[in-house]
Every structure is written in C-alpha cells, then in structure tokens.
Amino acid sequence: MHRNVPDQHRQYAKAMRADSTRAENLLWQQLRRSQIEGFKFKRQVPLDGYILDFICFEARMIIEVDGSQHAESASDKIRDAHFSTHGFRILRFWNAEVEDSLDSVVLAIRAELLNRGE
C-alpha cells in the first residue's frame, strides 16, 4: 500500500467530500470523531489509485456506500480483490439501506469492528 498520492487524486477526493451523497453524509455523522468503539474513520481517501468512501486504517476496514451504478460492477470486484489481498475488509451498503436503516448499518459496522481478526 503506498500513500504517494497524485495531486489530481487529492483534489478529486476533496471535491467528493464537498459533494457527498445524502447517504454518505448520514453515515459520516455516525463514523466521525471515533464514535463507533473509538475507531477513527476518514472519508473520501485516495489510496492506490482509488477513492475510498470511508476507511479505518487501524481496523483495516473500508466502507463503500453505493448507488445503483455499482450493481454487478466488475471494476468494484477488481478493486475489492486488490484491497482484500492487502488485508482490508470491505463492507458495502446501498444508499437506500443507509438512508432507510441507518441504525442497522451502524450495528453491522460495529459488529465487524469488534470481530476483526477472529
């Protein structure tokens, strides 16, 4: 995993933070400031040529909040495989799932955080 991020990727990630979806904003309000069991998440992080919605480096967890354009996405499978080989767990939630069942999504994330490495 390298963190030598091209300036173009940094600028794109910054723009994405400013233009987040409603679902991303709702989830970010739950993840920010280490609110889930003290784990620190960052949002819209450029890493290895990708922009990740949310990442917790300590727990090696990536969370993606997807719209319908991600259904059956071959590029998402390649990306997930890339990060899995580097020891990351990837959790994917649909926008509607976050918007309609935020508490359930947060509970699922919390459970994964507490069950890491088991």
N, C-alpha and C. Protein backbone atom coordinates (compact mmCIF):
# COMPACT_ATOMS: atom_id res chain seq x y z
N MET A 1 0.86 -1.17 0.00
CA MET A 1 0.00 0.00 0.00
C MET A 1 0.90 1.23 0.00
N HIS A 2 0.73 2.04 -0.97
CA HIS A 2 1.53 3.25 -0.99
C HIS A 2 0.64 4.46 -0.81
N ARG A 3 1.20 5.47 -0.19
CA ARG A 3 0.44 6.67 0.10
C ARG A 3 0.95 7.86 -0.70
N ASN A 4 1.76 7.60 -1.74
CA ASN A 4 2.23 8.67 -2.60
C ASN A 4 1.09 8.99 -3.57
N VAL A 5 0.26 9.94 -3.18
CA VAL A 5 -0.98 10.21 -3.90
C VAL A 5 -0.78 11.38 -4.86
N PRO A 6 -1.10 11.17 -6.14
CA PRO A 6 -1.00 12.29 -7.09
C PRO A 6 -1.92 13.43 -6.67
N ASP A 7 -1.48 14.65 -6.93
CA ASP A 7 -2.25 15.83 -6.55
C ASP A 7 -3.65 15.80 -7.15
N GLN A 8 -3.78 15.29 -8.38
CA GLN A 8 -5.09 15.21 -9.03
C GLN A 8 -6.06 14.34 -8.22
N HIS A 9 -5.56 13.24 -7.65
CA HIS A 9 -6.41 12.37 -6.83
C HIS A 9 -6.81 13.07 -5.54
N ARG A 10 -5.86 13.80 -4.94
CA ARG A 10 -6.18 14.56 -3.72
C ARG A 10 -7.28 15.59 -3.98
N GLN A 11 -7.16 16.29 -5.09
CA GLN A 11 -8.15 17.31 -5.43
C GLN A 11 -9.52 16.68 -5.69
N TYR A 12 -9.52 15.54 -6.37
CA TYR A 12 -10.78 14.85 -6.66
C TYR A 12 -11.43 14.38 -5.36
N ALA A 13 -10.64 13.82 -4.46
CA ALA A 13 -11.17 13.35 -3.17
C ALA A 13 -11.74 14.53 -2.38
N LYS A 14 -11.05 15.66 -2.41
CA LYS A 14 -11.53 16.85 -1.71
C LYS A 14 -12.87 17.31 -2.28
N ALA A 15 -12.98 17.29 -3.61
CA ALA A 15 -14.24 17.67 -4.26
C ALA A 15 -15.35 16.70 -3.88
N MET A 16 -15.03 15.41 -3.80
CA MET A 16 -16.04 14.41 -3.43
C MET A 16 -16.51 14.60 -1.99
N ARG A 17 -15.61 15.02 -1.10
CA ARG A 17 -16.02 15.29 0.28
C ARG A 17 -17.02 16.44 0.33
N ALA A 18 -16.81 17.42 -0.53
CA ALA A 18 -17.70 18.59 -0.55
C ALA A 18 -19.03 18.27 -1.22
N ASP A 19 -19.08 17.21 -2.02
CA ASP A 19 -20.28 16.88 -2.79
C ASP A 19 -20.75 15.45 -2.48
N SER A 20 -20.78 15.10 -1.21
CA SER A 20 -21.17 13.75 -0.80
C SER A 20 -22.66 13.52 -1.02
N THR A 21 -23.03 12.26 -1.18
CA THR A 21 -24.44 11.91 -1.28
C THR A 21 -25.10 12.02 0.09
N ARG A 22 -26.40 12.03 0.10
CA ARG A 22 -27.14 12.09 1.38
C ARG A 22 -26.77 10.90 2.25
N ALA A 23 -26.70 9.71 1.64
CA ALA A 23 -26.37 8.50 2.39
C ALA A 23 -24.96 8.60 2.98
N GLU A 24 -24.01 9.09 2.20
CA GLU A 24 -22.64 9.24 2.71
C GLU A 24 -22.61 10.22 3.88
N ASN A 25 -23.34 11.32 3.76
CA ASN A 25 -23.38 12.30 4.85
C ASN A 25 -24.00 11.71 6.12
N LEU A 26 -25.08 10.96 5.95
CA LEU A 26 -25.71 10.34 7.12
C LEU A 26 -24.75 9.38 7.82
N LEU A 27 -24.07 8.54 7.04
CA LEU A 27 -23.15 7.59 7.64
C LEU A 27 -21.95 8.30 8.25
N TRP A 28 -21.45 9.33 7.59
CA TRP A 28 -20.30 10.07 8.12
C TRP A 28 -20.61 10.66 9.50
N GLN A 29 -21.84 11.11 9.70
CA GLN A 29 -22.21 11.66 11.02
C GLN A 29 -22.09 10.60 12.11
N GLN A 30 -22.20 9.32 11.76
CA GLN A 30 -22.08 8.23 12.74
C GLN A 30 -20.62 7.78 12.90
N LEU A 31 -19.82 7.93 11.86
CA LEU A 31 -18.44 7.43 11.88
C LEU A 31 -17.44 8.45 12.40
N ARG A 32 -17.72 9.71 12.18
CA ARG A 32 -16.74 10.75 12.50
C ARG A 32 -16.48 10.85 14.00
N ARG A 33 -15.35 11.40 14.33
CA ARG A 33 -14.92 11.61 15.72
C ARG A 33 -14.91 10.32 16.53
N SER A 34 -14.54 9.22 15.89
CA SER A 34 -14.35 7.94 16.58
C SER A 34 -15.55 7.52 17.41
N GLN A 35 -16.74 7.70 16.88
CA GLN A 35 -17.95 7.43 17.63
C GLN A 35 -18.29 5.95 17.78
N ILE A 36 -17.74 5.11 16.90
CA ILE A 36 -18.04 3.68 17.00
C ILE A 36 -16.84 2.99 17.64
N GLU A 37 -16.99 2.69 18.91
CA GLU A 37 -15.98 1.96 19.68
C GLU A 37 -14.58 2.59 19.60
N GLY A 38 -14.51 3.88 19.36
CA GLY A 38 -13.23 4.58 19.34
C GLY A 38 -12.42 4.43 18.07
N PHE A 39 -12.96 3.79 17.04
CA PHE A 39 -12.24 3.60 15.78
C PHE A 39 -12.33 4.88 14.95
N LYS A 40 -11.18 5.30 14.43
CA LYS A 40 -11.10 6.52 13.63
C LYS A 40 -11.27 6.21 12.15
N PHE A 41 -12.28 6.81 11.56
CA PHE A 41 -12.52 6.69 10.12
C PHE A 41 -12.17 8.00 9.43
N LYS A 42 -11.74 7.86 8.19
CA LYS A 42 -11.54 9.00 7.31
C LYS A 42 -12.48 8.80 6.13
N ARG A 43 -12.81 9.90 5.45
CA ARG A 43 -13.72 9.78 4.31
C ARG A 43 -13.08 10.29 3.04
N GLN A 44 -13.52 9.70 1.92
CA GLN A 44 -13.05 10.06 0.59
C GLN A 44 -11.52 10.11 0.57
N VAL A 45 -10.92 8.97 0.84
CA VAL A 45 -9.46 8.85 0.94
C VAL A 45 -8.90 8.26 -0.36
N PRO A 46 -7.96 8.97 -0.99
CA PRO A 46 -7.30 8.41 -2.17
C PRO A 46 -6.23 7.40 -1.74
N LEU A 47 -6.30 6.18 -2.31
CA LEU A 47 -5.34 5.14 -1.96
C LEU A 47 -5.19 4.18 -3.14
N ASP A 48 -3.97 3.97 -3.56
CA ASP A 48 -3.65 3.03 -4.64
C ASP A 48 -4.46 3.28 -5.91
N GLY A 49 -4.68 4.53 -6.23
CA GLY A 49 -5.40 4.87 -7.46
C GLY A 49 -6.91 4.85 -7.34
N TYR A 50 -7.42 4.60 -6.16
CA TYR A 50 -8.87 4.58 -5.92
C TYR A 50 -9.22 5.65 -4.90
N ILE A 51 -10.49 6.07 -4.90
CA ILE A 51 -11.00 6.96 -3.86
C ILE A 51 -11.97 6.12 -3.02
N LEU A 52 -11.65 5.95 -1.75
CA LEU A 52 -12.45 5.11 -0.85
C LEU A 52 -13.44 5.99 -0.10
N ASP A 53 -14.70 5.55 -0.01
CA ASP A 53 -15.70 6.34 0.71
C ASP A 53 -15.29 6.56 2.15
N PHE A 54 -15.02 5.46 2.87
CA PHE A 54 -14.60 5.55 4.28
C PHE A 54 -13.55 4.48 4.53
N ILE A 55 -12.57 4.81 5.37
CA ILE A 55 -11.55 3.83 5.72
C ILE A 55 -11.12 4.01 7.16
N CYS A 56 -10.92 2.88 7.82
CA CYS A 56 -10.32 2.86 9.15
C CYS A 56 -9.04 2.04 9.00
N PHE A 57 -7.89 2.72 9.05
CA PHE A 57 -6.62 2.03 8.87
C PHE A 57 -6.34 1.08 10.03
N GLU A 58 -6.68 1.49 11.24
CA GLU A 58 -6.43 0.65 12.42
C GLU A 58 -7.13 -0.71 12.30
N ALA A 59 -8.39 -0.70 11.88
CA ALA A 59 -9.16 -1.94 11.75
C ALA A 59 -9.02 -2.56 10.36
N ARG A 60 -8.32 -1.87 9.46
CA ARG A 60 -8.14 -2.32 8.07
C ARG A 60 -9.51 -2.61 7.45
N MET A 61 -10.39 -1.61 7.57
CA MET A 61 -11.75 -1.74 7.08
C MET A 61 -12.08 -0.60 6.13
N ILE A 62 -12.67 -0.95 5.00
CA ILE A 62 -13.15 0.01 4.02
C ILE A 62 -14.66 -0.12 3.95
N ILE A 63 -15.34 1.01 3.95
CA ILE A 63 -16.80 1.02 3.82
C ILE A 63 -17.14 1.81 2.57
N GLU A 64 -17.94 1.19 1.71
CA GLU A 64 -18.41 1.84 0.50
C GLU A 64 -19.93 1.97 0.57
N VAL A 65 -20.42 3.13 0.18
CA VAL A 65 -21.85 3.39 0.11
C VAL A 65 -22.17 3.58 -1.37
N ASP A 66 -22.93 2.64 -1.91
CA ASP A 66 -23.11 2.55 -3.36
C ASP A 66 -24.51 2.90 -3.83
N GLY A 67 -24.55 3.51 -5.00
CA GLY A 67 -25.80 3.73 -5.72
C GLY A 67 -25.99 2.61 -6.73
N SER A 68 -27.05 2.70 -7.49
CA SER A 68 -27.39 1.62 -8.42
C SER A 68 -26.35 1.40 -9.50
N GLN A 69 -25.52 2.40 -9.79
CA GLN A 69 -24.48 2.24 -10.82
C GLN A 69 -23.44 1.20 -10.42
N HIS A 70 -23.43 0.79 -9.16
CA HIS A 70 -22.46 -0.20 -8.69
C HIS A 70 -22.99 -1.63 -8.73
N ALA A 71 -24.24 -1.82 -9.12
CA ALA A 71 -24.81 -3.16 -9.18
C ALA A 71 -24.04 -4.00 -10.20
N GLU A 72 -23.57 -5.15 -9.76
CA GLU A 72 -22.83 -6.07 -10.64
C GLU A 72 -21.62 -5.42 -11.30
N SER A 73 -20.96 -4.53 -10.59
CA SER A 73 -19.82 -3.80 -11.15
C SER A 73 -18.55 -4.66 -11.14
N ALA A 74 -18.02 -4.92 -12.32
CA ALA A 74 -16.78 -5.69 -12.44
C ALA A 74 -15.61 -4.91 -11.86
N SER A 75 -15.60 -3.59 -12.05
CA SER A 75 -14.49 -2.79 -11.52
C SER A 75 -14.50 -2.78 -9.99
N ASP A 76 -15.68 -2.83 -9.37
CA ASP A 76 -15.75 -2.91 -7.90
C ASP A 76 -15.17 -4.23 -7.42
N LYS A 77 -15.42 -5.31 -8.14
CA LYS A 77 -14.87 -6.61 -7.76
C LYS A 77 -13.35 -6.61 -7.83
N ILE A 78 -12.80 -5.99 -8.87
CA ILE A 78 -11.35 -5.89 -9.01
C ILE A 78 -10.77 -5.06 -7.87
N ARG A 79 -11.40 -3.95 -7.59
CA ARG A 79 -10.96 -3.06 -6.51
C ARG A 79 -11.03 -3.77 -5.15
N ASP A 80 -12.14 -4.46 -4.89
CA ASP A 80 -12.28 -5.18 -3.63
C ASP A 80 -11.21 -6.26 -3.50
N ALA A 81 -10.93 -6.96 -4.57
CA ALA A 81 -9.89 -8.00 -4.54
C ALA A 81 -8.53 -7.39 -4.25
N HIS A 82 -8.25 -6.24 -4.85
CA HIS A 82 -6.98 -5.55 -4.61
C HIS A 82 -6.79 -5.26 -3.12
N PHE A 83 -7.81 -4.67 -2.50
CA PHE A 83 -7.68 -4.30 -1.09
C PHE A 83 -7.75 -5.52 -0.18
N SER A 84 -8.49 -6.53 -0.56
CA SER A 84 -8.53 -7.77 0.24
C SER A 84 -7.16 -8.42 0.30
N THR A 85 -6.44 -8.40 -0.81
CA THR A 85 -5.09 -9.00 -0.80
C THR A 85 -4.14 -8.22 0.10
N HIS A 86 -4.49 -6.98 0.41
CA HIS A 86 -3.67 -6.18 1.32
C HIS A 86 -4.22 -6.18 2.75
N GLY A 87 -5.13 -7.12 3.03
CA GLY A 87 -5.61 -7.31 4.39
C GLY A 87 -6.77 -6.43 4.82
N PHE A 88 -7.43 -5.77 3.89
CA PHE A 88 -8.59 -4.95 4.23
C PHE A 88 -9.87 -5.75 4.09
N ARG A 89 -10.81 -5.46 4.97
CA ARG A 89 -12.18 -5.98 4.82
C ARG A 89 -13.00 -4.87 4.19
N ILE A 90 -13.86 -5.23 3.26
CA ILE A 90 -14.68 -4.24 2.57
C ILE A 90 -16.14 -4.50 2.90
N LEU A 91 -16.79 -3.49 3.41
CA LEU A 91 -18.23 -3.55 3.66
C LEU A 91 -18.90 -2.63 2.65
N ARG A 92 -19.93 -3.14 1.98
CA ARG A 92 -20.68 -2.35 1.01
C ARG A 92 -22.13 -2.26 1.45
N PHE A 93 -22.65 -1.04 1.39
CA PHE A 93 -24.05 -0.79 1.71
C PHE A 93 -24.64 0.03 0.58
N TRP A 94 -25.91 -0.22 0.28
CA TRP A 94 -26.61 0.57 -0.73
C TRP A 94 -27.04 1.90 -0.11
N ASN A 95 -27.12 2.94 -0.94
CA ASN A 95 -27.59 4.24 -0.47
C ASN A 95 -28.90 4.12 0.28
N ALA A 96 -29.87 3.41 -0.31
CA ALA A 96 -31.19 3.27 0.31
C ALA A 96 -31.10 2.56 1.66
N GLU A 97 -30.20 1.60 1.76
CA GLU A 97 -30.02 0.88 3.02
C GLU A 97 -29.55 1.83 4.12
N VAL A 98 -28.61 2.70 3.79
CA VAL A 98 -28.11 3.68 4.77
C VAL A 98 -29.22 4.67 5.13
N GLU A 99 -29.92 5.15 4.12
CA GLU A 99 -30.95 6.16 4.36
C GLU A 99 -32.14 5.60 5.14
N ASP A 100 -32.52 4.35 4.86
CA ASP A 100 -33.72 3.76 5.47
C ASP A 100 -33.46 3.01 6.76
N SER A 101 -32.23 2.51 6.93
CA SER A 101 -31.92 1.66 8.09
C SER A 101 -30.55 2.00 8.68
N LEU A 102 -30.31 3.27 8.94
CA LEU A 102 -29.01 3.72 9.41
C LEU A 102 -28.57 2.99 10.67
N ASP A 103 -29.48 2.80 11.61
CA ASP A 103 -29.11 2.11 12.85
C ASP A 103 -28.62 0.69 12.58
N SER A 104 -29.27 -0.02 11.67
CA SER A 104 -28.85 -1.38 11.33
C SER A 104 -27.48 -1.39 10.66
N VAL A 105 -27.23 -0.41 9.81
CA VAL A 105 -25.92 -0.30 9.15
C VAL A 105 -24.83 -0.05 10.19
N VAL A 106 -25.08 0.86 11.11
CA VAL A 106 -24.09 1.16 12.16
C VAL A 106 -23.84 -0.06 13.03
N LEU A 107 -24.89 -0.80 13.36
CA LEU A 107 -24.72 -2.02 14.16
C LEU A 107 -23.89 -3.06 13.40
N ALA A 108 -24.10 -3.18 12.10
CA ALA A 108 -23.32 -4.12 11.29
C ALA A 108 -21.85 -3.71 11.25
N ILE A 109 -21.58 -2.43 11.12
CA ILE A 109 -20.21 -1.93 11.13
C ILE A 109 -19.57 -2.20 12.48
N ARG A 110 -20.29 -1.88 13.54
CA ARG A 110 -19.78 -2.10 14.89
C ARG A 110 -19.43 -3.58 15.11
N ALA A 111 -20.32 -4.46 14.68
CA ALA A 111 -20.08 -5.91 14.84
C ALA A 111 -18.82 -6.32 14.09
N GLU A 112 -18.62 -5.82 12.88
CA GLU A 112 -17.42 -6.15 12.11
C GLU A 112 -16.16 -5.60 12.78
N LEU A 113 -16.26 -4.40 13.33
CA LEU A 113 -15.10 -3.82 14.02
C LEU A 113 -14.71 -4.66 15.23
N LEU A 114 -15.71 -5.10 15.97
CA LEU A 114 -15.43 -5.86 17.20
C LEU A 114 -15.01 -7.30 16.90
N ASN A 115 -15.34 -7.82 15.73
CA ASN A 115 -14.99 -9.19 15.36
C ASN A 115 -13.76 -9.29 14.47
N ARG A 116 -13.00 -8.22 14.37
CA ARG A 116 -11.83 -8.25 13.49
C ARG A 116 -10.81 -9.25 13.99
N GLY A 117 -10.26 -9.95 13.03
CA GLY A 117 -9.19 -10.90 13.34
C GLY A 117 -9.65 -12.17 14.00
N GLU A 118 -10.94 -12.38 14.13
CA GLU A 118 -11.41 -13.62 14.77
C GLU A 118 -11.81 -14.63 13.73
